[in-house]
PDB file of N, CA and C in Angstrom:
ATOM      1  N   MET A   1     100.093 140.868 139.539  1.00  0.00           N
ATOM      2  CA  MET A   1     101.093 140.390 139.102  1.00  0.00           C
ATOM      3  C   MET A   1     102.596 140.006 139.773  1.00  0.00           C
ATOM      4  N   PHE A   2     102.635 140.996 141.118  1.00  0.00           N
ATOM      5  CA  PHE A   2     103.999 140.629 141.239  1.00  0.00           C
ATOM      6  C   PHE A   2     103.402 139.851 142.729  1.00  0.00           C
ATOM      7  N   LEU A   3     104.218 138.844 142.844  1.00  0.00           N
ATOM      8  CA  LEU A   3     103.979 137.854 143.961  1.00  0.00           C
ATOM      9  C   LEU A   3     104.495 138.414 145.233  1.00  0.00           C
ATOM     10  N   ILE A   4     105.493 139.368 145.369  1.00  0.00           N
ATOM     11  CA  ILE A   4     106.338 139.868 146.426  1.00  0.00           C
ATOM     12  C   ILE A   4     106.024 141.053 146.875  1.00  0.00           C
ATOM     13  N   GLU A   5     105.241 141.554 147.619  1.00  0.00           N
ATOM     14  CA  GLU A   5     105.076 142.755 148.319  1.00  0.00           C
ATOM     15  C   GLU A   5     106.420 143.491 148.549  1.00  0.00           C
ATOM     16  N   PRO A   6     106.164 144.848 147.927  1.00  0.00           N
ATOM     17  CA  PRO A   6     107.389 145.808 148.441  1.00  0.00           C
ATOM     18  C   PRO A   6     107.582 146.059 149.978  1.00  0.00           C
ATOM     19  N   ALA A   7     108.806 146.215 150.181  1.00  0.00           N
ATOM     20  CA  ALA A   7     109.395 146.335 151.924  1.00  0.00           C
ATOM     21  C   ALA A   7     109.522 147.847 152.055  1.00  0.00           C
ATOM     22  N   TYR A   8     109.202 148.139 152.976  1.00  0.00           N
ATOM     23  CA  TYR A   8     108.926 149.588 153.384  1.00  0.00           C
ATOM     24  C   TYR A   8     110.038 149.673 154.799  1.00  0.00           C
ATOM     25  N   ALA A   9     110.537 150.810 154.841  1.00  0.00           N
ATOM     26  CA  ALA A   9     111.865 150.794 155.924  1.00  0.00           C
ATOM     27  C   ALA A   9     111.166 151.293 157.010  1.00  0.00           C
ATOM     28  N   GLN A  10     110.976 150.629 158.082  1.00  0.00           N
ATOM     29  CA  GLN A  10     110.289 151.268 159.484  1.00  0.00           C
ATOM     30  C   GLN A  10     111.052 152.268 160.089  1.00  0.00           C
ATOM     31  N   ALA A  11     110.502 152.844 160.926  1.00  0.00           N
ATOM     32  CA  ALA A  11     111.000 153.839 161.542  1.00  0.00           C
ATOM     33  C   ALA A  11     112.018 153.043 162.904  1.00  0.00           C
ATOM     34  N   ALA A  12     113.280 154.070 163.102  1.00  0.00           N
ATOM     35  CA  ALA A  12     114.156 153.263 164.325  1.00  0.00           C
ATOM     36  C   ALA A  12     113.700 153.022 165.611  1.00  0.00           C
ATOM     37  N   PRO A  13     114.027 151.883 166.167  1.00  0.00           N
ATOM     38  CA  PRO A  13     113.761 152.013 167.691  1.00  0.00           C
ATOM     39  C   PRO A  13     113.911 153.262 168.612  1.00  0.00           C
ATOM     40  N   ALA A  14     113.178 153.183 169.944  1.00  0.00           N
ATOM     41  CA  ALA A  14     113.358 154.171 170.449  1.00  0.00           C
ATOM     42  C   ALA A  14     114.916 154.454 171.083  1.00  0.00           C
ATOM     43  N   GLY A  15     115.338 153.544 171.101  1.00  0.00           N
ATOM     44  CA  GLY A  15     116.591 152.910 171.677  1.00  0.00           C
ATOM     45  C   GLY A  15     117.861 153.488 170.821  1.00  0.00           C
ATOM     46  N   ALA A  16     117.535 153.871 169.853  1.00  0.00           N
ATOM     47  CA  ALA A  16     118.763 153.609 168.623  1.00  0.00           C
ATOM     48  C   ALA A  16     119.391 155.158 169.108  1.00  0.00           C
ATOM     49  N   GLU A  17     118.676 156.179 169.472  1.00  0.00           N
ATOM     50  CA  GLU A  17     119.249 157.425 169.458  1.00  0.00           C
ATOM     51  C   GLU A  17     120.455 157.279 170.607  1.00  0.00           C
ATOM     52  N   MET A  18     120.687 156.524 171.494  1.00  0.00           N
ATOM     53  CA  MET A  18     121.476 156.834 172.758  1.00  0.00           C
ATOM     54  C   MET A  18     122.772 155.484 172.513  1.00  0.00           C
ATOM     55  N   GLY A  19     123.371 155.950 171.004  1.00  0.00           N
ATOM     56  CA  GLY A  19     124.355 155.140 170.620  1.00  0.00           C
ATOM     57  C   GLY A  19     125.623 155.288 171.360  1.00  0.00           C
ATOM     58  N   PHE A  20     125.831 156.474 171.723  1.00  0.00           N
ATOM     59  CA  PHE A  20     127.363 156.476 172.797  1.00  0.00           C
ATOM     60  C   PHE A  20     127.060 156.256 173.883  1.00  0.00           C
ATOM     61  N   MET A  21     125.618 156.100 174.570  1.00  0.00           N
ATOM     62  CA  MET A  21     125.643 155.417 175.761  1.00  0.00           C
ATOM     63  C   MET A  21     125.777 154.019 175.648  1.00  0.00           C
ATOM     64  N   SER A  22     125.342 153.108 174.602  1.00  0.00           N
ATOM     65  CA  SER A  22     125.509 151.966 174.447  1.00  0.00           C
ATOM     66  C   SER A  22     126.816 151.385 174.511  1.00  0.00           C
ATOM     67  N   PHE A  23     128.103 152.380 173.874  1.00  0.00           N
ATOM     68  CA  PHE A  23     129.198 151.955 173.988  1.00  0.00           C
ATOM     69  C   PHE A  23     130.140 152.783 175.102  1.00  0.00           C
ATOM     70  N   LEU A  24     129.622 153.267 175.824  1.00  0.00           N
ATOM     71  CA  LEU A  24     130.038 153.657 177.005  1.00  0.00           C
ATOM     72  C   LEU A  24     130.986 152.805 177.863  1.00  0.00           C
ATOM     73  N   PRO A  25     130.005 151.624 178.291  1.00  0.00           N
ATOM     74  CA  PRO A  25     130.864 150.110 179.252  1.00  0.00           C
ATOM     75  C   PRO A  25     132.160 149.849 178.233  1.00  0.00           C
ATOM     76  N   MET A  26     131.830 149.991 176.985  1.00  0.00           N
ATOM     77  CA  MET A  26     133.380 149.204 176.504  1.00  0.00           C
ATOM     78  C   MET A  26     134.573 150.253 176.651  1.00  0.00           C
ATOM     79  N   ILE A  27     133.908 151.466 176.537  1.00  0.00           N
ATOM     80  CA  ILE A  27     135.235 152.711 176.460  1.00  0.00           C
ATOM     81  C   ILE A  27     136.095 152.531 177.902  1.00  0.00           C
ATOM     82  N   VAL A  28     134.605 152.221 178.822  1.00  0.00           N
ATOM     83  CA  VAL A  28     135.469 152.535 180.456  1.00  0.00           C
ATOM     84  C   VAL A  28     136.396 151.262 180.486  1.00  0.00           C
ATOM     85  N   ILE A  29     135.650 150.262 179.978  1.00  0.00           N
ATOM     86  CA  ILE A  29     136.725 148.968 179.914  1.00  0.00           C
ATOM     87  C   ILE A  29     138.002 149.149 179.275  1.00  0.00           C
ATOM     88  N   PHE A  30     138.065 149.850 178.187  1.00  0.00           N
ATOM     89  CA  PHE A  30     139.324 149.922 177.621  1.00  0.00           C
ATOM     90  C   PHE A  30     140.518 150.790 178.326  1.00  0.00           C
ATOM     91  N   VAL A  31     139.720 151.967 178.907  1.00  0.00           N
ATOM     92  CA  VAL A  31     140.595 152.678 179.798  1.00  0.00           C
ATOM     93  C   VAL A  31     140.943 152.267 180.941  1.00  0.00           C
ATOM     94  N   LEU A  32     140.295 151.558 181.451  1.00  0.00           N
ATOM     95  CA  LEU A  32     141.010 150.742 182.967  1.00  0.00           C
ATOM     96  C   LEU A  32     141.804 149.470 182.326  1.00  0.00           C
ATOM     97  N   PHE A  33     141.725 148.759 181.255  1.00  0.00           N
ATOM     98  CA  PHE A  33     142.712 147.810 180.821  1.00  0.00           C
ATOM     99  C   PHE A  33     143.816 148.732 180.596  1.00  0.00           C
ATOM    100  N   TRP A  34     143.829 149.937 179.936  1.00  0.00           N
ATOM    101  CA  TRP A  34     144.994 150.754 179.551  1.00  0.00           C
ATOM    102  C   TRP A  34     145.992 151.106 180.491  1.00  0.00           C
ATOM    103  N   PHE A  35     145.065 151.519 181.678  1.00  0.00           N
ATOM    104  CA  PHE A  35     146.164 152.209 182.984  1.00  0.00           C
ATOM    105  C   PHE A  35     146.354 150.761 183.982  1.00  0.00           C
ATOM    106  N   LEU A  36     145.864 149.638 183.969  1.00  0.00           N
ATOM    107  CA  LEU A  36     146.066 148.970 184.511  1.00  0.00           C
ATOM    108  C   LEU A  36     147.158 147.541 183.820  1.00  0.00           C
ATOM    109  N   MET A  37     147.160 147.761 182.583  1.00  0.00           N
ATOM    110  CA  MET A  37     147.908 146.587 182.199  1.00  0.00           C
ATOM    111  C   MET A  37     148.757 147.020 181.230  1.00  0.00           C
ATOM    112  N   ILE A  38     148.622 147.922 180.071  1.00  0.00           N
ATOM    113  CA  ILE A  38     149.460 148.271 179.337  1.00  0.00           C
ATOM    114  C   ILE A  38     150.336 149.459 179.672  1.00  0.00           C
ATOM    115  N   ARG A  39     149.785 150.112 180.164  1.00  0.00           N
ATOM    116  CA  ARG A  39     150.897 151.333 180.569  1.00  0.00           C
ATOM    117  C   ARG A  39     151.741 150.585 181.707  1.00  0.00           C
ATOM    118  N   PRO A  40     151.639 150.152 182.664  1.00  0.00           N
ATOM    119  CA  PRO A  40     152.578 149.645 183.248  1.00  0.00           C
ATOM    120  C   PRO A  40     153.580 149.036 182.492  1.00  0.00           C
ATOM    121  N   GLN A  41     153.066 147.745 181.727  1.00  0.00           N
ATOM    122  CA  GLN A  41     154.056 147.052 181.035  1.00  0.00           C
ATOM    123  C   GLN A  41     155.145 147.964 179.948  1.00  0.00           C
ATOM    124  N   GLN A  42     154.335 148.854 179.704  1.00  0.00           N
ATOM    125  CA  GLN A  42     155.414 149.778 178.329  1.00  0.00           C
ATOM    126  C   GLN A  42     156.532 150.377 179.583  1.00  0.00           C
ATOM    127  N   LYS A  43     156.192 151.058 181.033  1.00  0.00           N
ATOM    128  CA  LYS A  43     157.112 151.363 181.530  1.00  0.00           C
ATOM    129  C   LYS A  43     157.999 150.419 182.071  1.00  0.00           C
ATOM    130  N   ARG A  44     157.938 149.072 182.158  1.00  0.00           N
ATOM    131  CA  ARG A  44     158.695 148.153 182.770  1.00  0.00           C
ATOM    132  C   ARG A  44     159.643 147.843 181.508  1.00  0.00           C
ATOM    133  N   MET A  45     158.914 147.504 180.328  1.00  0.00           N
ATOM    134  CA  MET A  45     159.996 147.578 178.948  1.00  0.00           C
ATOM    135  C   MET A  45     160.868 149.097 178.794  1.00  0.00           C
ATOM    136  N   LYS A  46     160.307 150.124 179.179  1.00  0.00           N
ATOM    137  CA  LYS A  46     161.270 151.051 179.211  1.00  0.00           C
ATOM    138  C   LYS A  46     162.730 151.177 180.053  1.00  0.00           C
ATOM    139  N   GLU A  47     162.188 150.497 181.226  1.00  0.00           N
ATOM    140  CA  GLU A  47     163.152 150.436 182.274  1.00  0.00           C
ATOM    141  C   GLU A  47     164.211 149.723 181.610  1.00  0.00           C
ATOM    142  N   MET A  48     164.032 148.483 181.291  1.00  0.00           N
ATOM    143  CA  MET A  48     164.391 146.994 180.986  1.00  0.00           C
ATOM    144  C   MET A  48     165.307 147.378 179.841  1.00  0.00           C
ATOM    145  N   LYS A  49     165.035 148.068 179.082  1.00  0.00           N
ATOM    146  CA  LYS A  49     165.608 148.530 177.988  1.00  0.00           C
ATOM    147  C   LYS A  49     167.065 149.549 178.443  1.00  0.00           C
ATOM    148  N   ALA A  50     166.494 150.511 179.083  1.00  0.00           N
ATOM    149  CA  ALA A  50     167.618 151.415 179.904  1.00  0.00           C
ATOM    150  C   ALA A  50     168.703 150.698 180.671  1.00  0.00           C
ATOM    151  N   MET A  51     168.278 149.829 181.120  1.00  0.00           N
ATOM    152  CA  MET A  51     169.246 149.012 182.081  1.00  0.00           C
ATOM    153  C   MET A  51     170.208 148.466 181.188  1.00  0.00           C
ATOM    154  N   VAL A  52     169.607 147.285 180.047  1.00  0.00           N
ATOM    155  CA  VAL A  52     170.310 146.899 179.152  1.00  0.00           C
ATOM    156  C   VAL A  52     171.458 147.797 178.191  1.00  0.00           C
ATOM    157  N   ASP A  53     170.804 148.727 178.068  1.00  0.00           N
ATOM    158  CA  ASP A  53     171.751 149.788 177.182  1.00  0.00           C
ATOM    159  C   ASP A  53     172.830 150.288 178.170  1.00  0.00           C
ATOM    160  N   ALA A  54     172.784 150.451 179.157  1.00  0.00           N
ATOM    161  CA  ALA A  54     173.269 150.886 179.975  1.00  0.00           C
ATOM    162  C   ALA A  54     174.532 149.737 180.770  1.00  0.00           C
ATOM    163  N   LEU A  55     174.820 148.974 180.340  1.00  0.00           N
ATOM    164  CA  LEU A  55     175.730 147.722 180.722  1.00  0.00           C
ATOM    165  C   LEU A  55     176.765 148.277 180.212  1.00  0.00           C
ATOM    166  N   GLN A  56     177.723 148.300 181.174  1.00  0.00           N
ATOM    167  CA  GLN A  56     179.389 148.007 180.633  1.00  0.00           C
ATOM    168  C   GLN A  56     180.222 147.032 181.200  1.00  0.00           C
ATOM    169  N   LYS A  57     181.686 147.036 180.992  1.00  0.00           N
ATOM    170  CA  LYS A  57     182.468 146.009 181.475  1.00  0.00           C
ATOM    171  C   LYS A  57     182.564 146.364 182.762  1.00  0.00           C
ATOM    172  N   GLY A  58     182.458 144.985 183.468  1.00  0.00           N
ATOM    173  CA  GLY A  58     182.516 145.124 184.970  1.00  0.00           C
ATOM    174  C   GLY A  58     181.244 144.772 185.787  1.00  0.00           C
ATOM    175  N   ASP A  59     180.453 145.044 184.745  1.00  0.00           N
ATOM    176  CA  ASP A  59     178.799 144.974 185.708  1.00  0.00           C
ATOM    177  C   ASP A  59     178.650 143.583 186.013  1.00  0.00           C
ATOM    178  N   GLU A  60     177.943 142.999 186.995  1.00  0.00           N
ATOM    179  CA  GLU A  60     177.676 141.815 187.138  1.00  0.00           C
ATOM    180  C   GLU A  60     176.190 141.681 186.623  1.00  0.00           C
ATOM    181  N   VAL A  61     175.827 140.330 186.045  1.00  0.00           N
ATOM    182  CA  VAL A  61     174.443 140.295 185.736  1.00  0.00           C
ATOM    183  C   VAL A  61     173.816 139.054 185.589  1.00  0.00           C
ATOM    184  N   VAL A  62     172.376 138.709 185.523  1.00  0.00           N
ATOM    185  CA  VAL A  62     171.693 137.470 185.545  1.00  0.00           C
ATOM    186  C   VAL A  62     171.234 137.159 183.881  1.00  0.00           C
ATOM    187  N   THR A  63     171.471 136.279 183.669  1.00  0.00           N
ATOM    188  CA  THR A  63     170.639 136.168 182.072  1.00  0.00           C
ATOM    189  C   THR A  63     169.432 135.261 182.168  1.00  0.00           C
ATOM    190  N   ASN A  64     168.544 135.733 181.245  1.00  0.00           N
ATOM    191  CA  ASN A  64     167.386 134.746 181.204  1.00  0.00           C
ATOM    192  C   ASN A  64     167.325 133.435 181.749  1.00  0.00           C
ATOM    193  N   GLY A  65     168.359 132.701 181.166  1.00  0.00           N
ATOM    194  CA  GLY A  65     168.734 131.329 181.188  1.00  0.00           C
ATOM    195  C   GLY A  65     169.265 130.793 182.978  1.00  0.00           C
ATOM    196  N   GLY A  66     169.649 132.348 183.547  1.00  0.00           N
ATOM    197  CA  GLY A  66     169.691 132.163 185.081  1.00  0.00           C
ATOM    198  C   GLY A  66     171.440 131.831 185.390  1.00  0.00           C
ATOM    199  N   LEU A  67     172.281 132.419 184.309  1.00  0.00           N
ATOM    200  CA  LEU A  67     173.193 132.226 184.242  1.00  0.00           C
ATOM    201  C   LEU A  67     174.163 133.613 184.973  1.00  0.00           C
ATOM    202  N   LEU A  68     174.895 133.291 186.257  1.00  0.00           N
ATOM    203  CA  LEU A  68     175.431 134.590 186.512  1.00  0.00           C
ATOM    204  C   LEU A  68     176.907 134.859 186.025  1.00  0.00           C
ATOM    205  N   GLY A  69     177.502 136.457 185.531  1.00  0.00           N
ATOM    206  CA  GLY A  69     178.577 136.323 185.047  1.00  0.00           C
ATOM    207  C   GLY A  69     178.738 137.871 185.203  1.00  0.00           C
ATOM    208  N   LYS A  70     180.233 138.276 185.080  1.00  0.00           N
ATOM    209  CA  LYS A  70     181.129 139.597 184.978  1.00  0.00           C
ATOM    210  C   LYS A  70     180.661 140.150 183.581  1.00  0.00           C
ATOM    211  N   VAL A  71     180.421 140.875 183.112  1.00  0.00           N
ATOM    212  CA  VAL A  71     180.930 141.878 181.791  1.00  0.00           C
ATOM    213  C   VAL A  71     182.365 142.209 181.692  1.00  0.00           C
ATOM    214  N   ALA A  72     183.016 141.092 180.571  1.00  0.00           N
ATOM    215  CA  ALA A  72     184.067 141.436 180.476  1.00  0.00           C
ATOM    216  C   ALA A  72     184.457 141.886 179.055  1.00  0.00           C
ATOM    217  N   LYS A  73     183.671 142.069 178.062  1.00  0.00           N
ATOM    218  CA  LYS A  73     183.566 143.227 176.835  1.00  0.00           C
ATOM    219  C   LYS A  73     181.590 143.462 176.632  1.00  0.00           C
ATOM    220  N   ALA A  74     181.672 144.341 176.115  1.00  0.00           N
ATOM    221  CA  ALA A  74     180.486 145.086 175.999  1.00  0.00           C
ATOM    222  C   ALA A  74     180.434 145.358 174.288  1.00  0.00           C
ATOM    223  N   GLY A  75     179.678 144.839 173.851  1.00  0.00           N
ATOM    224  CA  GLY A  75     179.370 145.176 172.155  1.00  0.00           C
ATOM    225  C   GLY A  75     178.038 146.428 172.139  1.00  0.00           C
ATOM    226  N   GLU A  76     177.879 146.490 170.897  1.00  0.00           N
ATOM    227  CA  GLU A  76     176.654 147.298 170.229  1.00  0.00           C
ATOM    228  C   GLU A  76     175.471 146.234 170.513  1.00  0.00           C
ATOM    229  N   GLN A  77     175.542 144.821 170.225  1.00  0.00           N
ATOM    230  CA  GLN A  77     174.490 143.799 170.161  1.00  0.00           C
ATOM    231  C   GLN A  77     174.535 142.592 171.168  1.00  0.00           C
ATOM    232  N   PHE A  78     176.002 142.215 171.557  1.00  0.00           N
ATOM    233  CA  PHE A  78     176.205 141.338 172.452  1.00  0.00           C
ATOM    234  C   PHE A  78     177.240 141.618 173.231  1.00  0.00           C
ATOM    235  N   LEU A  79     177.000 140.915 174.580  1.00  0.00           N
ATOM    236  CA  LEU A  79     177.953 140.789 175.751  1.00  0.00           C
ATOM    237  C   LEU A  79     178.670 139.439 175.757  1.00  0.00           C
ATOM    238  N   THR A  80     180.267 139.707 176.351  1.00  0.00           N
ATOM    239  CA  THR A  80     181.097 138.380 176.825  1.00  0.00           C
ATOM    240  C   THR A  80     181.057 138.573 178.220  1.00  0.00           C
ATOM    241  N   LEU A  81     180.613 137.318 178.799  1.00  0.00           N
ATOM    242  CA  LEU A  81     180.259 137.295 180.292  1.00  0.00           C
ATOM    243  C   LEU A  81     181.283 136.118 180.311  1.00  0.00           C
ATOM    244  N   GLU A  82     181.820 136.450 181.755  1.00  0.00           N
ATOM    245  CA  GLU A  82     183.183 135.881 182.174  1.00  0.00           C
ATOM    246  C   GLU A  82     182.042 135.042 183.693  1.00  0.00           C
ATOM    247  N   ILE A  83     182.087 133.437 183.077  1.00  0.00           N
ATOM    248  CA  ILE A  83     180.969 132.982 184.166  1.00  0.00           C
ATOM    249  C   ILE A  83     181.744 132.390 185.405  1.00  0.00           C
ATOM    250  N   ALA A  84     183.288 132.105 184.770  1.00  0.00           N
ATOM    251  CA  ALA A  84     183.921 131.591 185.658  1.00  0.00           C
ATOM    252  C   ALA A  84     185.240 131.519 185.446  1.00  0.00           C
ATOM    253  N   ASP A  85     186.693 131.531 186.391  1.00  0.00           N
ATOM    254  CA  ASP A  85     188.025 132.258 185.963  1.00  0.00           C
ATOM    255  C   ASP A  85     188.221 131.522 184.470  1.00  0.00           C
ATOM    256  N   GLY A  86     188.504 132.680 183.669  1.00  0.00           N
ATOM    257  CA  GLY A  86     189.006 132.026 182.242  1.00  0.00           C
ATOM    258  C   GLY A  86     187.928 131.480 181.344  1.00  0.00           C
ATOM    259  N   VAL A  87     186.510 131.340 181.639  1.00  0.00           N
ATOM    260  CA  VAL A  87     185.563 130.836 181.141  1.00  0.00           C
ATOM    261  C   VAL A  87     184.814 132.075 180.807  1.00  0.00           C
ATOM    262  N   GLU A  88     184.720 132.330 179.425  1.00  0.00           N
ATOM    263  CA  GLU A  88     183.609 133.542 178.679  1.00  0.00           C
ATOM    264  C   GLU A  88     182.642 132.774 177.852  1.00  0.00           C
ATOM    265  N   ILE A  89     181.595 133.526 177.835  1.00  0.00           N
ATOM    266  CA  ILE A  89     180.438 133.149 177.040  1.00  0.00           C
ATOM    267  C   ILE A  89     180.031 134.392 176.327  1.00  0.00           C
ATOM    268  N   VAL A  90     179.638 134.522 175.208  1.00  0.00           N
ATOM    269  CA  VAL A  90     178.999 135.384 174.405  1.00  0.00           C
ATOM    270  C   VAL A  90     177.181 135.523 174.569  1.00  0.00           C
ATOM    271  N   VAL A  91     176.697 136.499 174.759  1.00  0.00           N
ATOM    272  CA  VAL A  91     175.340 136.416 175.077  1.00  0.00           C
ATOM    273  C   VAL A  91     174.596 137.586 174.255  1.00  0.00           C
ATOM    274  N   GLN A  92     173.567 137.847 173.700  1.00  0.00           N
ATOM    275  CA  GLN A  92     173.111 138.658 173.354  1.00  0.00           C
ATOM    276  C   GLN A  92     172.510 139.796 174.414  1.00  0.00           C
ATOM    277  N   ARG A  93     172.604 141.063 174.577  1.00  0.00           N
ATOM    278  CA  ARG A  93     172.206 141.829 175.310  1.00  0.00           C
ATOM    279  C   ARG A  93     170.852 141.832 175.659  1.00  0.00           C
ATOM    280  N   SER A  94     169.930 141.383 175.076  1.00  0.00           N
ATOM    281  CA  SER A  94     168.544 141.002 175.350  1.00  0.00           C
ATOM    282  C   SER A  94     168.417 139.796 176.244  1.00  0.00           C
ATOM    283  N   ALA A  95     169.373 139.236 175.993  1.00  0.00           N
ATOM    284  CA  ALA A  95     169.535 138.032 177.257  1.00  0.00           C
ATOM    285  C   ALA A  95     169.627 138.253 178.756  1.00  0.00           C
ATOM    286  N   VAL A  96     170.046 139.612 178.988  1.00  0.00           N
ATOM    287  CA  VAL A  96     170.192 139.912 180.674  1.00  0.00           C
ATOM    288  C   VAL A  96     169.079 140.209 181.054  1.00  0.00           C
ATOM    289  N   SER A  97     168.730 139.500 182.177  1.00  0.00           N
ATOM    290  CA  SER A  97     167.557 139.954 182.718  1.00  0.00           C
ATOM    291  C   SER A  97     167.442 140.923 184.131  1.00  0.00           C
ATOM    292  N   GLN A  98     168.857 140.729 184.504  1.00  0.00           N
ATOM    293  CA  GLN A  98     169.112 141.644 185.817  1.00  0.00           C
ATOM    294  C   GLN A  98     170.318 141.909 185.889  1.00  0.00           C
ATOM    295  N   ARG A  99     170.779 143.109 186.592  1.00  0.00           N
ATOM    296  CA  ARG A  99     171.943 143.520 186.602  1.00  0.00           C
ATOM    297  C   ARG A  99     172.156 143.829 188.297  1.00  0.00           C
ATOM    298  N   LEU A 100     173.099 143.058 188.825  1.00  0.00           N
ATOM    299  CA  LEU A 100     173.118 142.917 190.124  1.00  0.00           C
ATOM    300  C   LEU A 100     174.290 143.246 190.379  1.00  0.00           C
ATOM    301  N   GLU A 101     174.344 144.011 192.196  1.00  0.00           N
ATOM    302  CA  GLU A 101     175.271 144.551 192.666  1.00  0.00           C
ATOM    303  C   GLU A 101     176.592 144.341 192.518  1.00  0.00           C
ATOM    304  N   LYS A 102     177.526 145.272 192.703  1.00  0.00           N
ATOM    305  CA  LYS A 102     179.116 144.551 192.573  1.00  0.00           C
ATOM    306  C   LYS A 102     179.215 143.870 193.572  1.00  0.00           C
ATOM    307  N   GLY A 103     179.901 142.623 193.390  1.00  0.00           N
ATOM    308  CA  GLY A 103     180.649 141.884 194.835  1.00  0.00           C
ATOM    309  C   GLY A 103     179.553 140.602 194.812  1.00  0.00           C
ATOM    310  N   THR A 104     178.438 140.580 194.356  1.00  0.00           N
ATOM    311  CA  THR A 104     177.320 139.478 194.827  1.00  0.00           C
ATOM    312  C   THR A 104     177.953 138.479 193.870  1.00  0.00           C
ATOM    313  N   ILE A 105     178.380 138.079 192.921  1.00  0.00           N
ATOM    314  CA  ILE A 105     178.789 136.586 192.533  1.00  0.00           C
ATOM    315  C   ILE A 105     180.037 136.056 193.668  1.00  0.00           C
ATOM    316  N   LYS A 106     181.295 137.286 193.946  1.00  0.00           N
ATOM    317  CA  LYS A 106     181.798 136.717 194.709  1.00  0.00           C
ATOM    318  C   LYS A 106     181.703 136.176 195.937  1.00  0.00           C
ATOM    319  N   ASN A 107     180.109 136.647 196.558  1.00  0.00           N
ATOM    320  CA  ASN A 107     179.715 136.284 197.856  1.00  0.00           C
ATOM    321  C   ASN A 107     178.952 135.077 197.857  1.00  0.00           C
ATOM    322  N   ASN A 108     178.460 134.504 196.412  1.00  0.00           N
ATOM    323  CA  ASN A 108     177.838 133.152 196.099  1.00  0.00           C
ATOM    324  C   ASN A 108     178.680 132.320 195.966  1.00  0.00           C
ATOM    325  N   LYS A 109     179.944 132.133 195.609  1.00  0.00           N
ATOM    326  CA  LYS A 109     180.905 130.831 195.701  1.00  0.00           C
ATOM    327  C   LYS A 109     181.235 130.599 196.644  1.00  0.00           C
TER     328      LYS A 109
END
């Protein structure tokens, strides 16, 4: 009466018991990826945040756009940079890419 025969489960192949060993290469790749890429990037981001948070009046900086300036005013989120005598601009703190040593701007003029 039935045209389709019942399907019965077969025994698992011999290699199925080694499930952990099949995932071991992916685990090793993830660990290498973590130590070679993710961890150093987090360290750089932490150092950059500390540098930006420590900026204060009188520091000489370079912005992401390449502008050199001296910090005239330091607010919580914004900095006022003096880029020339009497010329001031307002930038976000996150726009600062590097802090320069004192006197660097005067040496380049």
